[in-house]
Amino acid sequence: MNDVPDVSFSDSRFPGLRRRGFLAAAGGAAGLGALALAGCAGSDTAADPAKGDGKPKRGGRLRAAFAGGGASETLDPHLANLFADAARAKALFDKLADYGPDLSAQPRLASAWEANAGLDRWKVTLRKAAFHDGKPVTAQDVLYSYRRIVDPAKAFRAKASLEPIDLKASRALDARTIEFVLKRPTAEFPNVLSAFGAYIVPDGLKDFDKKPVGSGPFRFVSFAPGKSAVFKRNDAYWDGAPYLDELEFVVANEESARANALLGGQVEYAHELNPATARAHENKGQIQIVRLRNSAMQGFVMKTDRPPFDDKRVREAFFLIADRKELVDGALSGAGEIGNDLFGKGYEYYAGSLPQREQDLDRARKLLKEAGAEKLKVTLDTSPVASGFTEAAAIFRDQAAKAGVTIEIKTGSKDSYWKDILDSGTLASYRSGAMPIESHISQRLLTGSTTNATHWRHKDFDALYQQAQSTKDKKERAAVYERMQRRLHTEGGFLIWGFADWILGTARRVRGVEQKAPANSLDWARFDKVWLA
């Protein structure tokens, strides 16, 4: 996600939302999808047992407060960049697949997919679904949507994700079957179908802000960019009509404005609350706090192609310097869990069998001495661009001092931080939202990856990724991914100390908010399964 300009919202219905501010997001791939974008709703939903058996009830309007993007906001789902954009797009449109709680691909508009023996041709079958104007969703709509996304003249978010597809060679076999021809074997092709922003729109549709037509659970009513969007129930939705009569998204850029609007009864759902707000109101009875676990990886990146981190002994020493619990408690106010220097804790293919790394200052000093770096001095780039960054930097500086390492903190611009740290510096604060482990590897850890912040470039590692993508048997493929993760755990450039909770707030009468849904997954901000008690 990119930073958005400072905007204000004024509406007599929502006095608590008249606050100024902006959403400081983890830019680019580290933002929405890649902070990149969960299967069927489970039983762990926010509910009050005192209110009865939790049986869904139809009716009512839910008002949801999100940080927004000002007057430039659009309902074009292919331009979705902020959390508010993604939530609105999810209400109006569908993708062929989306990510489950463990970030595995789950069928949505696609009812089935099947690969050939070479994993370079995939046949995708569409379920029976209709757009809001009653026209069926067809293979031609899918091809139009994907070809629109990859238009070289446009800057649509999912363009890079769809790169493996040869869309000139791909074709409709019939009205509900597409043959996707790929440029290379891709065992995890369903991840491509699930890509953030890869929504299916009607063939030929170009204007999305006056009366957008999708196949999603809600139909368009009105849209005022930077202020609000109102949708109504789609009774013909293929996955079952929503319980709500209406859904309204309202813009409130400051966290305090969202929290106050929720407390004041002006909205029923507040997105992205901070840990202090959660602590103040959790289990107090006035509102409900929902914690989406494992939503944002937190860590530091070490540039593996330059001193001092071109020596793997120095990288291991830094792994051992980190007191992960102190970092989670201090930088995240305890709203998260410790990491083990691997992305995707709890996600599909995660190497959970590896031993949890603990702080070991004696071993760290020994490794630094062996590397000739006993009195090491290093600059740590950070920025207030993301919550907890500057706090984590200060905590880690103090931890490193105990191992004889001097860390100088350099605070960079929020506007250019993500671009600046990609190639400059040696050590930097970093975070990422939920995405499949395969996507994390392909986007950040291959020689040709465009967001390779650690500069991890190893041809044998690239070959293992290609081996995984060419392996049809899932168990065998998992073994390859584990081998790759073992290497990263030993000598990689990501020092991943924690995983932050994503915190939401709801009114007491709101039901059906899924709790096992990392931000950007299917069940995050999924209002078709929510009801008002």
Protein backbone atom coordinates (compact mmCIF):
# COMPACT_ATOMS: atom_id res chain seq x y z
CA MET A 1 0.00 0.00 0.00
CA ASN A 2 1.17 3.50 -0.67
CA ASP A 3 0.94 6.50 1.60
CA VAL A 4 -2.05 8.72 0.88
CA PRO A 5 -2.43 12.49 1.20
CA ASP A 6 -3.79 14.20 4.27
CA VAL A 7 -7.56 14.51 3.89
CA SER A 8 -10.42 15.57 6.11
CA PHE A 9 -13.93 14.21 6.38
CA SER A 10 -16.94 16.23 7.38
CA ASP A 11 -20.47 14.87 7.61
CA SER A 12 -23.12 15.96 10.07
CA ARG A 13 -24.10 12.32 10.63
CA PHE A 14 -20.62 11.43 11.92
CA PRO A 15 -19.24 14.25 14.11
CA GLY A 16 -16.67 11.86 15.57
CA LEU A 17 -15.10 11.46 12.15
CA ARG A 18 -14.22 15.11 11.62
CA ARG A 19 -10.55 14.50 12.17
CA ARG A 20 -7.52 14.93 9.98
CA GLY A 21 -4.80 12.38 9.34
CA PHE A 22 -3.61 9.80 6.91
CA LEU A 23 -2.98 6.09 6.66
CA ALA A 24 0.73 5.45 6.96
CA ALA A 25 0.91 2.09 5.25
CA ALA A 26 3.75 -0.33 4.73
CA GLY A 27 4.52 0.79 1.20
CA GLY A 28 4.58 -1.20 -1.98
CA ALA A 29 4.67 -4.93 -1.54
CA ALA A 30 5.10 -4.55 2.19
CA GLY A 31 1.72 -2.90 2.38
CA LEU A 32 -1.55 -4.50 1.52
CA GLY A 33 -0.75 -7.56 -0.38
CA ALA A 34 2.60 -7.93 -0.11
CA LEU A 35 0.84 -5.63 3.96
CA ALA A 36 -0.16 -8.63 -0.65
CA LEU A 37 -4.29 -9.91 0.10
CA ALA A 38 -9.19 -16.73 3.82
CA GLY A 39 -11.22 -19.63 3.15
CA CYS A 40 -14.72 -20.29 4.38
CA ALA A 41 -15.84 -18.62 7.58
CA GLY A 42 -15.07 -20.67 10.67
CA SER A 43 -16.61 -20.82 14.08
CA ASP A 44 -14.29 -18.38 15.84
CA THR A 45 -16.34 -15.23 15.36
CA ALA A 46 -16.75 -12.20 17.56
CA ALA A 47 -19.94 -12.75 19.56
CA ASP A 48 -21.45 -12.13 22.96
CA PRO A 49 -22.79 -15.36 24.52
CA ALA A 50 -25.23 -13.29 26.56
CA LYS A 51 -27.03 -12.31 23.38
CA GLY A 52 -28.33 -15.80 22.63
CA ASP A 53 -27.29 -18.63 20.34
CA GLY A 54 -25.75 -16.40 17.65
CA LYS A 55 -28.26 -17.40 14.96
CA PRO A 56 -27.84 -15.03 11.98
CA LYS A 57 -30.45 -12.34 11.65
CA ARG A 58 -31.31 -10.51 8.45
CA GLY A 59 -31.63 -6.73 8.16
CA GLY A 60 -30.07 -3.42 9.11
CA ARG A 61 -27.24 -1.21 7.89
CA LEU A 62 -23.68 -1.66 9.11
CA ARG A 63 -21.39 1.38 9.01
CA ALA A 64 -17.68 0.56 8.75
CA ALA A 65 -14.94 3.15 9.34
CA PHE A 66 -11.67 2.86 7.39
CA ALA A 67 -8.78 5.20 6.63
CA GLY A 68 -9.25 6.43 3.07
CA GLY A 69 -7.55 8.00 0.10
CA GLY A 70 -9.22 11.38 -0.32
CA ALA A 71 -10.96 12.80 -3.36
CA SER A 72 -8.93 10.56 -5.69
CA GLU A 73 -10.60 7.38 -4.41
CA THR A 74 -12.09 5.04 -6.99
CA LEU A 75 -14.19 1.88 -7.01
CA ASP A 76 -12.08 0.42 -9.83
CA PRO A 77 -11.06 -2.89 -8.18
CA HIS A 78 -7.92 -3.15 -10.30
CA LEU A 79 -6.66 0.11 -8.77
CA ALA A 80 -7.34 -0.98 -5.18
CA ASN A 81 -4.36 -0.03 -3.06
CA LEU A 82 -5.55 0.81 0.45
CA PHE A 83 -7.40 -1.36 2.94
CA ALA A 84 -10.54 0.71 2.30
CA ASP A 85 -10.21 0.07 -1.45
CA ALA A 86 -9.81 -3.66 -0.86
CA ALA A 87 -12.83 -3.86 1.45
CA ARG A 88 -15.05 -1.99 -1.01
CA ALA A 89 -13.79 -4.11 -3.92
CA LYS A 90 -14.50 -7.30 -1.98
CA ALA A 91 -18.09 -6.17 -1.38
CA LEU A 92 -18.76 -5.44 -5.07
CA PHE A 93 -16.59 -7.94 -6.94
CA ASP A 94 -15.16 -11.48 -6.83
CA LYS A 95 -11.86 -13.11 -7.71
CA LEU A 96 -11.38 -16.59 -9.13
CA ALA A 97 -9.80 -17.62 -5.81
CA ASP A 98 -8.78 -16.07 -2.51
CA TYR A 99 -6.56 -16.87 0.46
CA GLY A 100 -7.76 -19.04 3.34
CA PRO A 101 -6.68 -18.52 6.99
CA ASP A 102 -3.42 -20.37 6.28
CA LEU A 103 -2.93 -18.39 3.05
CA SER A 104 -3.70 -21.38 0.83
CA ALA A 105 -5.79 -20.65 -2.27
CA GLN A 106 -9.52 -21.33 -1.90
CA PRO A 107 -11.95 -21.46 -4.88
CA ARG A 108 -14.30 -18.51 -5.35
CA LEU A 109 -15.64 -17.78 -8.87
CA ALA A 110 -13.54 -20.74 -9.98
CA SER A 111 -15.21 -23.99 -8.96
CA ALA A 112 -12.21 -26.10 -9.97
CA TRP A 113 -8.73 -25.94 -11.49
CA GLU A 114 -6.58 -28.64 -13.00
CA ALA A 115 -3.02 -28.62 -14.34
CA ASN A 116 -1.46 -30.62 -17.14
CA ALA A 117 1.49 -32.90 -16.41
CA GLY A 118 3.97 -30.11 -17.16
CA LEU A 119 2.23 -27.61 -14.84
CA ASP A 120 2.37 -24.99 -17.60
CA ARG A 121 -1.28 -25.24 -18.70
CA TRP A 122 -4.16 -24.92 -16.27
CA LYS A 123 -7.84 -25.48 -17.01
CA VAL A 124 -10.09 -23.37 -14.77
CA THR A 125 -13.83 -24.04 -14.53
CA LEU A 126 -16.18 -21.25 -13.46
CA ARG A 127 -19.09 -21.78 -11.11
CA LYS A 128 -22.55 -20.54 -12.10
CA ALA A 129 -22.54 -16.91 -11.00
CA ALA A 130 -24.08 -13.71 -12.30
CA PHE A 131 -23.17 -10.03 -12.36
CA HIS A 132 -25.48 -7.49 -10.75
CA ASP A 133 -27.15 -6.82 -14.10
CA GLY A 134 -28.13 -10.49 -14.37
CA LYS A 135 -25.57 -11.46 -17.03
CA PRO A 136 -23.60 -14.66 -16.30
CA VAL A 137 -19.91 -14.52 -15.41
CA THR A 138 -18.13 -16.05 -18.40
CA ALA A 139 -14.65 -17.06 -19.50
CA GLN A 140 -14.57 -13.97 -21.70
CA ASP A 141 -15.11 -11.73 -18.68
CA VAL A 142 -12.14 -13.42 -16.99
CA LEU A 143 -9.86 -12.94 -19.98
CA TYR A 144 -10.96 -9.32 -20.40
CA SER A 145 -10.28 -8.63 -16.70
CA TYR A 146 -6.81 -10.16 -16.73
CA ARG A 147 -5.83 -8.54 -20.02
CA ARG A 148 -6.98 -5.18 -18.68
CA ILE A 149 -4.82 -5.66 -15.57
CA VAL A 150 -1.65 -6.41 -17.58
CA ASP A 151 -2.12 -3.49 -19.99
CA PRO A 152 1.42 -2.04 -20.25
CA ALA A 153 -0.03 1.48 -20.35
CA LYS A 154 -1.69 1.03 -16.95
CA ALA A 155 -0.39 0.62 -13.40
CA PHE A 156 -2.82 -1.92 -12.00
CA ARG A 157 -1.81 -3.58 -8.72
CA ALA A 158 -2.10 -7.23 -9.84
CA LYS A 159 -0.01 -6.79 -12.99
CA ALA A 160 3.16 -8.34 -11.53
CA SER A 161 1.20 -11.22 -9.98
CA LEU A 162 -0.31 -12.17 -13.36
CA GLU A 163 3.11 -12.13 -15.07
CA PRO A 164 3.39 -15.96 -15.30
CA ILE A 165 0.35 -16.09 -17.62
CA ASP A 166 0.70 -15.86 -21.42
CA LEU A 167 -2.60 -14.07 -21.93
CA LYS A 168 -2.21 -13.95 -25.71
CA ALA A 169 -2.12 -17.74 -25.83
CA SER A 170 -4.72 -18.31 -23.10
CA ARG A 171 -8.27 -18.89 -24.37
CA ALA A 172 -11.87 -19.66 -23.54
CA LEU A 173 -12.66 -23.34 -24.19
CA ASP A 174 -16.35 -22.63 -23.63
CA ALA A 175 -18.49 -20.13 -21.71
CA ARG A 176 -17.35 -21.41 -18.32
CA THR A 177 -13.90 -22.90 -19.00
CA ILE A 178 -10.59 -21.10 -19.50
CA GLU A 179 -7.27 -22.62 -20.53
CA PHE A 180 -4.46 -20.57 -19.06
CA VAL A 181 -1.16 -21.02 -20.87
CA LEU A 182 1.80 -20.22 -18.62
CA LYS A 183 5.29 -19.05 -19.46
CA ARG A 184 6.83 -21.71 -17.19
CA PRO A 185 5.75 -24.51 -14.83
CA THR A 186 3.84 -23.02 -11.90
CA ALA A 187 2.63 -25.50 -9.30
CA GLU A 188 1.21 -22.69 -7.15
CA PHE A 189 -0.83 -21.17 -9.98
CA PRO A 190 -3.94 -20.89 -7.74
CA ASN A 191 -1.98 -18.22 -5.83
CA VAL A 192 -1.98 -16.19 -9.05
CA LEU A 193 -5.76 -16.47 -9.25
CA SER A 194 -5.93 -15.23 -5.63
CA ALA A 195 -3.66 -12.24 -6.21
CA PHE A 196 -4.56 -8.97 -4.56
CA GLY A 197 -6.53 -6.87 -7.03
CA ALA A 198 -7.18 -9.68 -9.55
CA TYR A 199 -10.95 -9.09 -9.58
CA ILE A 200 -13.24 -10.22 -12.36
CA VAL A 201 -15.27 -7.46 -14.03
CA PRO A 202 -17.72 -7.59 -16.96
CA ASP A 203 -16.21 -7.67 -20.45
CA GLY A 204 -15.74 -4.09 -21.64
CA LEU A 205 -16.45 -2.31 -18.34
CA LYS A 206 -14.29 0.81 -17.93
CA ASP A 207 -16.30 3.21 -15.74
CA PHE A 208 -16.43 2.03 -12.13
CA ASP A 209 -17.38 5.12 -10.16
CA LYS A 210 -20.87 5.96 -11.46
CA LYS A 211 -22.54 2.57 -11.44
CA PRO A 212 -20.07 -0.31 -11.10
CA VAL A 213 -21.34 -3.79 -11.92
CA GLY A 214 -19.69 -6.73 -10.19
CA SER A 215 -20.63 -10.23 -9.10
CA GLY A 216 -20.02 -9.63 -5.39
CA PRO A 217 -22.35 -9.90 -2.40
CA PHE A 218 -23.38 -6.22 -2.45
CA ARG A 219 -24.74 -3.93 -5.18
CA PHE A 220 -23.79 -0.31 -5.73
CA VAL A 221 -25.99 2.49 -4.32
CA SER A 222 -23.79 5.60 -4.04
CA PHE A 223 -20.17 6.74 -3.80
CA ALA A 224 -18.63 10.01 -2.57
CA PRO A 225 -14.82 9.69 -2.90
CA GLY A 226 -13.01 10.38 0.36
CA LYS A 227 -16.29 10.34 2.30
CA SER A 228 -18.53 7.32 1.96
CA ALA A 229 -19.79 4.45 -0.19
CA VAL A 230 -23.18 2.79 0.24
CA PHE A 231 -24.03 -0.70 -1.03
CA LYS A 232 -27.13 -2.90 -0.70
CA ARG A 233 -27.61 -6.66 -0.45
CA ASN A 234 -27.30 -8.75 -3.62
CA ASP A 235 -30.12 -11.26 -3.12
CA ALA A 236 -28.86 -13.34 -6.07
CA TYR A 237 -25.29 -13.75 -4.80
CA TRP A 238 -23.89 -17.16 -5.69
CA ASP A 239 -22.49 -17.72 -2.18
CA GLY A 240 -25.73 -16.80 -0.43
CA ALA A 241 -27.28 -13.39 0.08
CA PRO A 242 -25.71 -11.24 2.83
CA TYR A 243 -27.60 -10.80 6.09
CA LEU A 244 -27.24 -7.01 6.05
CA ASP A 245 -29.68 -4.88 4.08
CA GLU A 246 -27.05 -2.22 3.53
CA LEU A 247 -23.34 -1.67 4.06
CA GLU A 248 -21.79 1.79 4.33
CA PHE A 249 -18.08 2.54 4.28
CA VAL A 250 -17.17 5.86 5.92
CA VAL A 251 -13.75 7.49 5.88
CA ALA A 252 -11.98 8.32 9.15
CA ASN A 253 -8.26 8.69 8.72
CA GLU A 254 -7.15 9.09 12.35
CA GLU A 255 -7.27 6.01 14.55
CA SER A 256 -8.73 8.09 17.35
CA ALA A 257 -11.56 9.22 15.08
CA ARG A 258 -12.43 5.62 14.18
CA ALA A 259 -12.32 4.55 17.82
CA ASN A 260 -14.42 7.50 19.01
CA ALA A 261 -17.00 6.97 16.28
CA LEU A 262 -17.33 3.34 17.37
CA LEU A 263 -17.60 4.26 21.05
CA GLY A 264 -20.14 6.96 20.19
CA GLY A 265 -22.36 4.62 18.18
CA GLN A 266 -21.75 6.43 14.88
CA VAL A 267 -20.27 3.29 13.29
CA GLU A 268 -20.51 -0.42 14.10
CA TYR A 269 -17.08 -1.47 12.77
CA ALA A 270 -13.72 0.29 13.09
CA HIS A 271 -10.73 -0.96 11.12
CA GLU A 272 -7.10 -0.77 12.27
CA LEU A 273 -7.12 0.16 15.94
CA ASN A 274 -3.92 0.41 17.94
CA PRO A 275 -2.89 -1.76 20.91
CA ALA A 276 -3.49 1.03 23.43
CA THR A 277 -7.11 1.35 22.30
CA ALA A 278 -7.52 -2.42 22.46
CA ARG A 279 -6.12 -2.62 26.01
CA ALA A 280 -8.36 0.22 27.16
CA HIS A 281 -11.58 -1.41 25.93
CA GLU A 282 -11.01 -5.17 25.69
CA ASN A 283 -13.45 -7.15 27.88
CA LYS A 284 -14.90 -3.93 29.30
CA GLY A 285 -18.35 -4.46 27.77
CA GLN A 286 -18.77 -1.32 25.68
CA ILE A 287 -17.30 -2.60 22.38
CA GLN A 288 -15.75 -5.83 21.09
CA ILE A 289 -12.06 -6.07 20.20
CA VAL A 290 -11.11 -8.53 17.46
CA ARG A 291 -7.48 -9.56 17.01
CA LEU A 292 -6.48 -11.01 13.65
CA ARG A 293 -3.35 -13.01 14.47
CA ASN A 294 -0.28 -13.28 12.24
CA SER A 295 -1.39 -10.39 10.05
CA ALA A 296 1.88 -8.45 9.82
CA MET A 297 5.42 -9.78 9.92
CA GLN A 298 7.82 -7.50 11.82
CA GLY A 299 11.58 -7.52 11.50
CA PHE A 300 14.81 -6.09 10.14
CA VAL A 301 16.46 -6.66 6.76
CA MET A 302 20.21 -7.18 6.49
CA LYS A 303 21.82 -6.55 3.08
CA THR A 304 23.60 -9.84 2.39
CA ASP A 305 25.71 -8.46 -0.49
CA ARG A 306 27.73 -5.88 1.44
CA PRO A 307 29.72 -5.52 4.67
CA PRO A 308 29.16 -6.36 7.41
CA PHE A 309 26.27 -8.65 6.47
CA ASP A 310 28.00 -10.33 3.52
CA ASP A 311 29.52 -12.51 6.26
CA LYS A 312 26.92 -15.05 7.36
CA ARG A 313 28.53 -15.22 10.82
CA VAL A 314 27.55 -11.58 11.37
CA ARG A 315 24.00 -12.30 10.23
CA GLU A 316 23.77 -15.24 12.64
CA ALA A 317 25.14 -13.04 15.43
CA PHE A 318 22.35 -10.53 14.81
CA PHE A 319 19.76 -13.33 14.90
CA LEU A 320 21.14 -14.25 18.34
CA ILE A 321 21.24 -10.66 19.63
CA ALA A 322 17.48 -10.26 19.32
CA ASP A 323 15.36 -10.68 22.45
CA ARG A 324 12.13 -11.33 20.57
CA LYS A 325 9.78 -11.16 23.53
CA GLU A 326 11.17 -7.78 24.55
CA LEU A 327 10.65 -6.54 20.99
CA VAL A 328 7.05 -7.80 20.83
CA ASP A 329 6.24 -6.41 24.28
CA GLY A 330 7.92 -3.06 23.66
CA ALA A 331 7.35 -2.30 19.97
CA LEU A 332 3.95 -3.98 19.60
CA SER A 333 2.71 -3.40 23.15
CA GLY A 334 2.43 -7.17 23.43
CA ALA A 335 -0.09 -7.35 20.57
CA GLY A 336 1.57 -10.16 18.65
CA GLU A 337 3.81 -13.19 18.97
CA ILE A 338 7.50 -13.86 18.55
CA GLY A 339 9.02 -14.82 15.20
CA ASN A 340 11.73 -17.28 14.22
CA ASP A 341 13.42 -15.50 11.29
CA LEU A 342 11.00 -17.07 8.82
CA PHE A 343 8.05 -15.46 7.07
CA GLY A 344 4.51 -16.80 7.33
CA LYS A 345 4.15 -18.33 10.79
CA GLY A 346 1.15 -20.65 10.69
CA TYR A 347 0.76 -20.38 6.91
CA GLU A 348 0.77 -23.25 4.43
CA TYR A 349 4.31 -24.70 3.99
CA TYR A 350 5.71 -22.89 7.06
CA ALA A 351 8.67 -24.79 8.52
CA GLY A 352 7.29 -24.95 12.04
CA SER A 353 9.54 -27.85 13.03
CA LEU A 354 12.65 -25.66 13.20
CA PRO A 355 13.77 -24.86 16.75
CA GLN A 356 12.77 -21.45 18.09
CA ARG A 357 15.79 -19.17 18.11
CA GLU A 358 16.58 -17.61 21.49
CA GLN A 359 18.83 -14.73 22.49
CA ASP A 360 22.42 -15.93 23.05
CA LEU A 361 24.77 -12.99 23.55
CA ASP A 362 27.82 -15.16 24.30
CA ARG A 363 27.44 -17.03 21.01
CA ALA A 364 26.79 -13.72 19.19
CA ARG A 365 30.03 -12.21 20.57
CA LYS A 366 31.96 -15.34 19.57
CA LEU A 367 30.64 -15.20 16.00
CA LEU A 368 31.44 -11.49 15.70
CA LYS A 369 34.98 -12.12 16.94
CA GLU A 370 35.44 -14.92 14.39
CA ALA A 371 34.24 -12.53 11.67
CA GLY A 372 36.65 -9.80 12.79
CA ALA A 373 33.72 -7.58 13.81
CA GLU A 374 34.18 -7.34 17.58
CA LYS A 375 33.56 -3.59 17.76
CA LEU A 376 31.07 -3.43 14.94
CA LYS A 377 29.29 -0.17 14.19
CA VAL A 378 26.26 -0.21 11.89
CA THR A 379 23.50 2.19 10.88
CA LEU A 380 19.89 1.05 11.25
CA ASP A 381 17.47 2.80 8.90
CA THR A 382 13.96 3.22 10.28
CA SER A 383 10.96 5.53 9.96
CA PRO A 384 7.58 6.25 11.54
CA VAL A 385 6.11 4.90 8.28
CA ALA A 386 4.74 1.88 10.19
CA SER A 387 3.61 1.35 13.76
CA GLY A 388 6.35 0.11 16.08
CA PHE A 389 9.28 0.75 13.72
CA THR A 390 11.07 3.44 15.70
CA GLU A 391 10.32 1.68 19.01
CA ALA A 392 11.75 -1.63 17.72
CA ALA A 393 14.84 0.14 16.40
CA ALA A 394 15.58 1.67 19.82
CA ILE A 395 15.01 -1.62 21.63
CA PHE A 396 17.27 -3.55 19.23
CA ARG A 397 19.98 -0.86 19.53
CA ASP A 398 20.07 -1.45 23.29
CA GLN A 399 20.10 -5.24 22.85
CA ALA A 400 23.00 -5.02 20.38
CA ALA A 401 25.04 -2.90 22.78
CA LYS A 402 25.11 -5.86 25.17
CA ALA A 403 26.96 -7.82 22.48
CA GLY A 404 29.44 -5.01 21.86
CA VAL A 405 27.69 -3.75 18.70
CA THR A 406 27.05 -0.02 18.27
CA ILE A 407 23.91 0.75 16.29
CA GLU A 408 23.23 4.28 15.06
CA ILE A 409 19.56 4.88 14.26
CA LYS A 410 18.80 6.90 11.13
CA THR A 411 15.18 8.03 10.73
CA GLY A 412 14.06 8.33 7.12
CA SER A 413 11.16 9.99 5.31
CA LYS A 414 7.75 8.31 5.45
CA ASP A 415 7.18 9.30 1.83
CA SER A 416 10.22 7.55 0.36
CA TYR A 417 11.23 5.00 3.02
CA TRP A 418 10.25 1.81 1.16
CA LYS A 419 11.99 2.91 -2.01
CA ASP A 420 15.06 4.16 -0.13
CA ILE A 421 15.75 0.95 1.80
CA LEU A 422 15.39 -1.35 -1.20
CA ASP A 423 18.93 -0.70 -2.41
CA SER A 424 20.59 1.70 0.04
CA GLY A 425 21.94 1.10 3.54
CA THR A 426 22.81 -2.17 5.25
CA LEU A 427 20.20 -2.70 8.00
CA ALA A 428 16.59 -1.48 8.06
CA SER A 429 13.22 -1.87 9.76
CA TYR A 430 10.74 -3.92 7.75
CA ARG A 431 7.23 -5.32 7.84
CA SER A 432 4.95 -7.28 5.53
CA GLY A 433 1.31 -8.20 5.41
CA ALA A 434 -0.11 -11.64 4.80
CA MET A 435 0.76 -13.48 1.60
CA PRO A 436 1.59 -17.10 0.71
CA ILE A 437 5.11 -18.23 1.55
CA GLU A 438 5.61 -19.01 -2.14
CA SER A 439 4.76 -15.39 -3.01
CA HIS A 440 7.13 -14.08 -0.35
CA ILE A 441 9.93 -16.17 -1.87
CA SER A 442 9.17 -15.27 -5.48
CA GLN A 443 8.78 -11.54 -4.83
CA ARG A 444 11.62 -11.04 -2.33
CA LEU A 445 14.19 -13.83 -2.36
CA LEU A 446 15.01 -14.73 -5.96
CA THR A 447 17.86 -13.21 -7.95
CA GLY A 448 15.40 -11.41 -10.21
CA SER A 449 12.88 -10.41 -7.51
CA THR A 450 11.97 -6.73 -7.79
CA THR A 451 11.52 -6.21 -4.03
CA ASN A 452 14.57 -8.15 -2.84
CA ALA A 453 15.40 -5.93 0.13
CA THR A 454 17.98 -8.34 1.61
CA HIS A 455 19.75 -8.75 -1.74
CA TRP A 456 19.63 -12.51 -1.25
CA ARG A 457 20.78 -13.73 -4.67
CA HIS A 458 21.76 -17.38 -4.98
CA LYS A 459 21.35 -19.40 -8.15
CA ASP A 460 21.02 -22.66 -6.23
CA PHE A 461 18.21 -21.13 -4.16
CA ASP A 462 16.52 -19.95 -7.38
CA ALA A 463 16.82 -23.51 -8.69
CA LEU A 464 15.08 -24.87 -5.58
CA TYR A 465 12.18 -22.48 -6.16
CA GLN A 466 11.89 -23.65 -9.77
CA GLN A 467 12.03 -27.25 -8.52
CA ALA A 468 9.15 -26.53 -6.14
CA GLN A 469 7.12 -24.91 -8.91
CA SER A 470 7.75 -27.92 -11.15
CA THR A 471 6.75 -30.47 -8.48
CA LYS A 472 3.16 -31.64 -8.79
CA ASP A 473 3.03 -33.74 -5.61
CA LYS A 474 2.21 -31.39 -2.73
CA LYS A 475 4.08 -33.38 -0.08
CA GLU A 476 7.23 -33.40 -2.20
CA ARG A 477 6.79 -29.69 -2.91
CA ALA A 478 6.45 -28.97 0.82
CA ALA A 479 9.77 -30.76 1.40
CA VAL A 480 11.48 -28.42 -1.06
CA TYR A 481 9.99 -25.36 0.63
CA GLU A 482 11.19 -26.65 4.00
CA ARG A 483 14.71 -27.10 2.62
CA MET A 484 14.65 -23.48 1.40
CA GLN A 485 13.42 -22.21 4.75
CA ARG A 486 16.08 -24.15 6.66
CA ARG A 487 18.70 -22.31 4.64
CA LEU A 488 17.05 -18.93 5.26
CA HIS A 489 16.80 -19.70 8.98
CA THR A 490 20.52 -20.45 9.09
CA GLU A 491 21.94 -17.68 6.93
CA GLY A 492 19.19 -15.50 5.42
CA GLY A 493 18.91 -11.73 5.61
CA PHE A 494 15.48 -11.42 7.26
CA LEU A 495 15.65 -11.05 11.04
CA ILE A 496 11.96 -11.69 11.75
CA TRP A 497 11.36 -11.03 15.43
CA GLY A 498 7.58 -10.95 15.55
CA PHE A 499 4.12 -11.12 14.01
CA ALA A 500 1.70 -8.33 14.90
CA ASP A 501 -2.01 -8.70 15.52
CA TRP A 502 -4.32 -6.67 13.31
CA ILE A 503 -6.87 -5.08 15.62
CA LEU A 504 -10.51 -4.31 14.80
CA GLY A 505 -13.32 -2.97 16.92
CA THR A 506 -17.03 -3.68 16.59
CA ALA A 507 -20.23 -2.71 18.34
CA ARG A 508 -21.56 -5.28 20.80
CA ARG A 509 -24.40 -6.29 18.51
CA VAL A 510 -22.18 -7.15 15.54
CA ARG A 511 -21.85 -10.87 14.83
CA GLY A 512 -20.01 -13.02 12.31
CA VAL A 513 -16.67 -11.16 12.22
CA GLU A 514 -14.13 -13.89 11.55
CA GLN A 515 -11.18 -13.98 13.96
CA LYS A 516 -8.97 -16.44 12.06
CA ALA A 517 -8.45 -14.16 9.08
CA PRO A 518 -5.13 -12.36 8.60
CA ALA A 519 -5.49 -8.95 6.97
CA ASN A 520 -5.79 -9.32 3.17
CA SER A 521 -7.26 -12.82 3.31
CA LEU A 522 -10.78 -13.74 2.19
CA ASP A 523 -12.51 -13.53 5.55
CA TRP A 524 -10.92 -10.22 6.51
CA ALA A 525 -13.47 -7.37 6.03
CA ARG A 526 -15.96 -9.92 4.74
CA PHE A 527 -19.26 -8.21 5.43
CA ASP A 528 -21.52 -10.67 3.61
CA LYS A 529 -21.19 -13.03 6.59
CA VAL A 530 -21.78 -10.36 9.24
CA TRP A 531 -25.11 -9.59 10.91
CA LEU A 532 -26.58 -7.29 13.56
CA ALA A 533 -28.08 -8.94 16.65
